[in-house]
C-alpha atoms as a PDB file:
ATOM      1  CA  MET A   1    -108.813 -61.315 -73.103  1.00  0.00           C
ATOM      2  CA  ALA A   2    -110.681 -57.989 -73.075  1.00  0.00           C
ATOM      3  CA  ASN A   3    -108.020 -56.543 -75.375  1.00  0.00           C
ATOM      4  CA  ILE A   4    -108.679 -59.230 -78.006  1.00  0.00           C
ATOM      5  CA  LEU A   5    -112.435 -58.731 -77.682  1.00  0.00           C
ATOM      6  CA  GLN A   6    -111.968 -54.967 -78.075  1.00  0.00           C
ATOM      7  CA  ARG A   7    -109.820 -55.460 -81.142  1.00  0.00           C
ATOM      8  CA  LEU A   8    -112.439 -57.695 -82.692  1.00  0.00           C
ATOM      9  CA  GLY A   9    -115.084 -55.069 -82.023  1.00  0.00           C
ATOM     10  CA  LEU A  10    -117.072 -57.181 -79.596  1.00  0.00           C
ATOM     11  CA  VAL A  11    -116.675 -54.735 -76.705  1.00  0.00           C
ATOM     12  CA  GLU A  12    -116.199 -50.986 -76.779  1.00  0.00           C
ATOM     13  CA  PRO A  13    -112.653 -49.793 -76.010  1.00  0.00           C
ATOM     14  CA  VAL A  14    -112.065 -47.042 -73.496  1.00  0.00           C
ATOM     15  CA  VAL A  15    -110.539 -44.157 -75.442  1.00  0.00           C
ATOM     16  CA  ASN A  16    -108.089 -41.840 -73.749  1.00  0.00           C
ATOM     17  CA  PRO A  17    -107.483 -38.898 -76.131  1.00  0.00           C
ATOM     18  CA  GLU A  18    -104.215 -38.004 -74.399  1.00  0.00           C
ATOM     19  CA  THR A  19    -102.550 -41.376 -74.996  1.00  0.00           C
ATOM     20  CA  ASP A  20    -104.443 -43.048 -77.854  1.00  0.00           C
ATOM     21  CA  THR A  21    -103.499 -42.181 -81.439  1.00  0.00           C
ATOM     22  CA  GLN A  22    -105.349 -42.742 -84.656  1.00  0.00           C
ATOM     23  CA  ASP A  23    -102.357 -43.808 -86.798  1.00  0.00           C
ATOM     24  CA  VAL A  24    -103.281 -46.587 -89.175  1.00  0.00           C
ATOM     25  CA  PRO A  25    -100.339 -48.752 -90.243  1.00  0.00           C
ATOM     26  CA  ILE A  26     -99.688 -49.235 -93.928  1.00  0.00           C
ATOM     27  CA  GLN A  27     -99.521 -52.915 -94.753  1.00  0.00           C
ATOM     28  CA  SER A  28     -97.015 -54.326 -97.206  1.00  0.00           C
ATOM     29  CA  THR A  29     -98.419 -55.911-100.346  1.00  0.00           C
ATOM     30  CA  GLU A  30     -95.648 -58.507-100.259  1.00  0.00           C
ATOM     31  CA  GLY A  31     -96.659 -60.053 -96.953  1.00  0.00           C
ATOM     32  CA  TRP A  32     -97.394 -59.183 -93.389  1.00  0.00           C
ATOM     33  CA  ASP A  33     -95.317 -56.513 -91.679  1.00  0.00           C
ATOM     34  CA  PRO A  34     -95.934 -56.076 -87.947  1.00  0.00           C
ATOM     35  CA  PRO A  35     -97.599 -52.735 -87.105  1.00  0.00           C
ATOM     36  CA  ASP A  36     -94.567 -51.564 -85.100  1.00  0.00           C
ATOM     37  CA  ASP A  37     -92.405 -51.746 -88.235  1.00  0.00           C
ATOM     38  CA  SER A  38     -94.948 -50.054 -90.490  1.00  0.00           C
ATOM     39  CA  MET A  39     -95.047 -46.404 -91.477  1.00  0.00           C
ATOM     40  CA  SER A  40     -98.161 -44.560 -90.373  1.00  0.00           C
ATOM     41  CA  TYR A  41    -100.214 -42.431 -92.744  1.00  0.00           C
ATOM     42  CA  GLN A  42     -99.354 -39.401 -90.639  1.00  0.00           C
ATOM     43  CA  GLN A  43     -95.672 -40.015 -91.310  1.00  0.00           C
ATOM     44  CA  ILE A  44     -96.176 -39.805 -95.083  1.00  0.00           C
ATOM     45  CA  CYS A  45     -99.231 -37.571 -95.494  1.00  0.00           C
ATOM     46  CA  THR A  46     -99.578 -34.204 -93.864  1.00  0.00           C
ATOM     47  CA  PRO A  47    -101.649 -32.564 -92.627  1.00  0.00           C
ATOM     48  CA  PRO A  48    -103.720 -35.335 -91.041  1.00  0.00           C
ATOM     49  CA  ASP A  49    -106.948 -33.387 -91.639  1.00  0.00           C
ATOM     50  CA  TYR A  50    -106.269 -33.577 -95.378  1.00  0.00           C
ATOM     51  CA  GLN A  51    -105.803 -37.354 -95.162  1.00  0.00           C
ATOM     52  CA  LYS A  52    -109.091 -37.720 -93.290  1.00  0.00           C
ATOM     53  CA  SER A  53    -111.000 -35.502 -95.716  1.00  0.00           C
ATOM     54  CA  VAL A  54    -109.613 -37.390 -98.732  1.00  0.00           C
ATOM     55  CA  LEU A  55    -110.564 -40.781 -97.267  1.00  0.00           C
ATOM     56  CA  ASP A  56    -113.968 -39.475 -96.159  1.00  0.00           C
ATOM     57  CA  ARG A  57    -114.686 -38.314 -99.721  1.00  0.00           C
ATOM     58  CA  ALA A  58    -113.498 -41.619-101.180  1.00  0.00           C
ATOM     59  CA  TYR A  59    -115.577 -43.798 -98.865  1.00  0.00           C
ATOM     60  CA  MET A  60    -118.618 -41.512 -98.649  1.00  0.00           C
ATOM     61  CA  GLY A  61    -120.968 -43.639-100.752  1.00  0.00           C
ATOM     62  CA  ILE A  62    -119.670 -46.933 -99.402  1.00  0.00           C
ATOM     63  CA  ASP A  63    -120.017 -45.984 -95.755  1.00  0.00           C
ATOM     64  CA  GLU A  64    -123.456 -44.459 -96.355  1.00  0.00           C
ATOM     65  CA  ASP A  65    -124.650 -47.696 -98.011  1.00  0.00           C
ATOM     66  CA  ALA A  66    -123.350 -49.871 -95.147  1.00  0.00           C
ATOM     67  CA  GLU A  67    -126.026 -51.142 -92.817  1.00  0.00           C
ATOM     68  CA  GLY A  68    -125.314 -50.496 -89.149  1.00  0.00           C
ATOM     69  CA  ASP A  69    -122.556 -52.796 -87.950  1.00  0.00           C
ATOM     70  CA  THR A  70    -121.814 -54.324 -91.355  1.00  0.00           C
ATOM     71  CA  PRO A  71    -118.187 -55.468 -91.203  1.00  0.00           C
ATOM     72  CA  THR A  72    -115.734 -53.876 -93.586  1.00  0.00           C
ATOM     73  CA  ILE A  73    -112.276 -54.783 -94.867  1.00  0.00           C
ATOM     74  CA  PHE A  74    -110.932 -52.973 -91.827  1.00  0.00           C
ATOM     75  CA  LYS A  75    -112.289 -55.787 -89.644  1.00  0.00           C
ATOM     76  CA  VAL A  76    -109.367 -57.831 -91.061  1.00  0.00           C
ATOM     77  CA  GLU A  77    -106.999 -55.179 -89.755  1.00  0.00           C
ATOM     78  CA  GLU A  78    -108.573 -55.426 -86.294  1.00  0.00           C
ATOM     79  CA  ILE A  79    -108.162 -59.201 -86.338  1.00  0.00           C
ATOM     80  CA  ILE A  80    -104.541 -58.914 -87.492  1.00  0.00           C
ATOM     81  CA  LYS A  81    -103.766 -56.577 -84.595  1.00  0.00           C
ATOM     82  CA  SER A  82    -105.196 -59.119 -82.162  1.00  0.00           C
ATOM     83  CA  LEU A  83    -103.025 -61.982 -83.482  1.00  0.00           C
ATOM     84  CA  PRO A  84     -99.331 -62.590 -82.852  1.00  0.00           C
ATOM     85  CA  SER A  85     -97.208 -60.700 -85.358  1.00  0.00           C
ATOM     86  CA  THR A  86     -94.955 -63.724 -85.822  1.00  0.00           C
ATOM     87  CA  LEU A  87     -97.567 -65.826 -87.621  1.00  0.00           C
ATOM     88  CA  PRO A  88     -96.561 -66.924 -91.118  1.00  0.00           C
ATOM     89  CA  LYS A  89     -98.721 -65.443 -93.898  1.00  0.00           C
ATOM     90  CA  GLU A  90    -100.590 -68.693 -94.645  1.00  0.00           C
ATOM     91  CA  GLU A  91    -101.380 -69.266 -90.952  1.00  0.00           C
ATOM     92  CA  LEU A  92    -102.419 -65.629 -90.629  1.00  0.00           C
ATOM     93  CA  GLN A  93    -104.843 -66.014 -93.556  1.00  0.00           C
ATOM     94  CA  ARG A  94    -106.330 -69.211 -92.137  1.00  0.00           C
ATOM     95  CA  SER A  95    -106.712 -67.615 -88.710  1.00  0.00           C
ATOM     96  CA  ILE A  96    -108.407 -64.523 -90.102  1.00  0.00           C
ATOM     97  CA  ILE A  97    -110.871 -66.533 -92.183  1.00  0.00           C
ATOM     98  CA  SER A  98    -111.586 -68.829 -89.239  1.00  0.00           C
ATOM     99  CA  ILE A  99    -112.241 -65.876 -86.915  1.00  0.00           C
ATOM    100  CA  LEU A 100    -114.476 -64.176 -89.487  1.00  0.00           C
ATOM    101  CA  LYS A 101    -116.502 -67.350 -89.977  1.00  0.00           C
ATOM    102  CA  SER A 102    -116.790 -67.876 -86.214  1.00  0.00           C
ATOM    103  CA  PHE A 103    -118.535 -64.479 -86.057  1.00  0.00           C
ATOM    104  CA  ARG A 104    -120.681 -65.444 -89.062  1.00  0.00           C
ATOM    105  CA  ILE A 105    -118.972 -62.913 -91.256  1.00  0.00           C
ATOM    106  CA  ASP A 106    -118.661 -64.001 -94.873  1.00  0.00           C
ATOM    107  CA  PRO A 107    -115.044 -63.475 -96.006  1.00  0.00           C
ATOM    108  CA  GLN A 108    -116.358 -62.872 -99.544  1.00  0.00           C
ATOM    109  CA  MET A 109    -118.381 -59.882 -98.251  1.00  0.00           C
ATOM    110  CA  ILE A 110    -115.196 -58.514 -96.720  1.00  0.00           C
ATOM    111  CA  ARG A 111    -113.322 -59.019-100.022  1.00  0.00           C
ATOM    112  CA  GLU A 112    -116.122 -57.249-101.922  1.00  0.00           C
ATOM    113  CA  ASP A 113    -115.985 -54.341 -99.468  1.00  0.00           C
ATOM    114  CA  GLY A 114    -112.223 -54.125 -99.962  1.00  0.00           C
ATOM    115  CA  ASN A 115    -112.604 -54.158-103.747  1.00  0.00           C
ATOM    116  CA  ARG A 116    -115.326 -51.455-103.589  1.00  0.00           C
ATOM    117  CA  ARG A 117    -113.028 -49.331-101.464  1.00  0.00           C
ATOM    118  CA  LEU A 118    -110.112 -49.843-103.870  1.00  0.00           C
ATOM    119  CA  SER A 119    -112.341 -48.798-106.753  1.00  0.00           C
ATOM    120  CA  ALA A 120    -113.633 -45.781-104.807  1.00  0.00           C
ATOM    121  CA  LEU A 121    -110.069 -44.740-103.935  1.00  0.00           C
ATOM    122  CA  SER A 122    -109.000 -45.023-107.571  1.00  0.00           C
ATOM    123  CA  THR A 123    -111.990 -43.012-108.804  1.00  0.00           C
ATOM    124  CA  MET A 124    -111.514 -40.366-106.137  1.00  0.00           C
ATOM    125  CA  GLU A 125    -107.775 -40.149-106.842  1.00  0.00           C
ATOM    126  CA  GLN A 126    -108.388 -39.618-110.559  1.00  0.00           C
ATOM    127  CA  SER A 127    -110.939 -36.897-109.851  1.00  0.00           C
ATOM    128  CA  GLU A 128    -108.867 -35.173-107.171  1.00  0.00           C
ATOM    129  CA  SER A 129    -105.704 -35.449-109.303  1.00  0.00           C
ATOM    130  CA  SER A 130    -107.467 -33.734-112.197  1.00  0.00           C
ATOM    131  CA  ASN A 131    -108.618 -30.901-109.930  1.00  0.00           C
ATOM    132  CA  ILE A 132    -105.187 -30.510-108.344  1.00  0.00           C
ATOM    133  CA  ARG A 133    -103.433 -30.578-111.739  1.00  0.00           C
ATOM    134  CA  LEU A 134    -105.867 -27.943-113.026  1.00  0.00           C
ATOM    135  CA  THR A 135    -105.029 -25.740-110.025  1.00  0.00           C
ATOM    136  CA  ILE A 136    -101.298 -26.284-110.587  1.00  0.00           C
ATOM    137  CA  ASP A 137    -101.677 -25.434-114.301  1.00  0.00           C
ATOM    138  CA  THR A 138    -103.634 -22.296-113.381  1.00  0.00           C
ATOM    139  CA  HIS A 139    -100.862 -21.206-111.023  1.00  0.00           C
ATOM    140  CA  HIS A 140     -98.233 -21.913-113.679  1.00  0.00           C
ATOM    141  CA  ALA A 141    -100.197 -19.703-116.105  1.00  0.00           C
ATOM    142  CA  GLU A 142    -100.410 -16.994-113.432  1.00  0.00           C
ATOM    143  CA  ILE A 143     -96.645 -17.251-112.925  1.00  0.00           C
ATOM    144  CA  GLU A 144     -96.115 -16.883-116.689  1.00  0.00           C
ATOM    145  CA  ASP A 145     -98.409 -13.840-116.692  1.00  0.00           C
ATOM    146  CA  CYS A 146     -96.385 -12.400-113.822  1.00  0.00           C
ATOM    147  CA  LYS A 147     -93.152 -13.125-115.716  1.00  0.00           C
ATOM    148  CA  GLU A 148     -94.537 -11.224-118.716  1.00  0.00           C
ATOM    149  CA  LYS A 149     -95.575  -8.349-116.461  1.00  0.00           C
ATOM    150  CA  ILE A 150     -92.128  -8.369-114.834  1.00  0.00           C
ATOM    151  CA  SER A 151     -90.520  -8.336-118.277  1.00  0.00           C
ATOM    152  CA  GLU A 152     -92.709  -5.405-119.327  1.00  0.00           C
ATOM    153  CA  LEU A 153     -91.858  -3.520-116.123  1.00  0.00           C
ATOM    154  CA  GLU A 154     -88.130  -4.231-116.541  1.00  0.00           C
ATOM    155  CA  SER A 155     -88.344  -2.894-120.096  1.00  0.00           C
ATOM    156  CA  LYS A 156     -90.110   0.240-118.834  1.00  0.00           C
ATOM    157  CA  ILE A 157     -87.443   0.667-116.138  1.00  0.00           C
ATOM    158  CA  GLN A 158     -84.749   0.484-118.811  1.00  0.00           C
ATOM    159  CA  THR A 159     -86.623   3.094-120.840  1.00  0.00           C
ATOM    160  CA  TYR A 160     -86.939   5.344-117.779  1.00  0.00           C
ATOM    161  CA  ASN A 161     -83.243   4.863-116.992  1.00  0.00           C
ATOM    162  CA  VAL A 162     -82.407   5.987-120.558  1.00  0.00           C
ATOM    163  CA  MET A 163     -84.786   8.941-120.132  1.00  0.00           C
ATOM    164  CA  LEU A 164     -83.065   9.788-116.828  1.00  0.00           C
ATOM    165  CA  GLU A 165     -79.641   9.689-118.514  1.00  0.00           C
ATOM    166  CA  ASP A 166     -80.964  11.787-121.412  1.00  0.00           C
ATOM    167  CA  LEU A 167     -82.488  14.278-118.945  1.00  0.00           C
ATOM    168  CA  HIS A 168     -79.142  14.582-117.173  1.00  0.00           C
ATOM    169  CA  ARG A 169     -77.288  14.937-120.486  1.00  0.00           C
ATOM    170  CA  ILE A 170     -79.778  17.503-121.865  1.00  0.00           C
ATOM    171  CA  THR A 171     -79.658  19.490-118.642  1.00  0.00           C
ATOM    172  CA  ASN A 172     -75.850  19.477-118.634  1.00  0.00           C
ATOM    173  CA  VAL A 173     -75.635  20.553-122.296  1.00  0.00           C
ATOM    174  CA  GLU A 174     -78.162  23.356-121.775  1.00  0.00           C
ATOM    175  CA  THR A 175     -76.438  24.430-118.539  1.00  0.00           C
ATOM    176  CA  GLU A 176     -73.080  24.679-120.378  1.00  0.00           C
ATOM    177  CA  ARG A 177     -74.707  26.588-123.257  1.00  0.00           C
ATOM    178  CA  ILE A 178     -76.292  29.126-120.919  1.00  0.00           C
ATOM    179  CA  GLN A 179     -73.076  29.447-118.890  1.00  0.00           C
ATOM    180  CA  ASP A 180     -71.148  30.056-122.131  1.00  0.00           C
ATOM    181  CA  LEU A 181     -73.626  32.742-123.178  1.00  0.00           C
ATOM    182  CA  LEU A 182     -73.418  34.314-119.732  1.00  0.00           C
ATOM    183  CA  GLY A 183     -69.642  34.242-120.072  1.00  0.00           C
ATOM    184  CA  VAL A 184     -69.841  36.186-123.336  1.00  0.00           C
ATOM    185  CA  LEU A 185     -71.950  38.823-121.656  1.00  0.00           C
ATOM    186  CA  GLY A 186     -69.545  39.176-118.803  1.00  0.00           C
ATOM    187  CA  GLY A 187     -70.313  40.248-115.228  1.00  0.00           C
ATOM    188  CA  ASP A 188     -73.482  41.734-113.766  1.00  0.00           C
ATOM    189  CA  GLU A 189     -73.635  45.133-115.446  1.00  0.00           C
ATOM    190  CA  GLU A 190     -76.829  46.903-116.154  1.00  0.00           C
END
């Protein structure tokens, strides 16, 4: 009984940081999937700190506007976790609404909170996506600049290799010329 009351937020749970995790199951949009069969955010989004910071930024205004213990859409998740996972979707919906009303929580308020959060997530995603794409584009431009620099350096290396070959050729020709002249003079006579 205490477990159900904890899940509904009526009593404070005892948190053991060594055994309790903060994974939030992703719910299917097609119907109810039991939490054990769901993927956690940490399985699809790493690092977890990034996930938390993204969600914190998205919900910042909403959570700041909430008054004290105002229930949010996540109250539905708590209720779902406290109910049997085998309930059909229609029965699950009826049970959730009944439980919300029994605690004098207006289901419409919960829906509005969910819609505000969806809107906030969409807005934040658009903003963050623009910033991330700008960073990616900047790095692509830097890569292109580096490619140009590499091309310039490769061209200079080719020029220096030609100069090195010419130096060797010039030195050999001059060495032969001087040796030929020395040969005409003959031995070391003074």
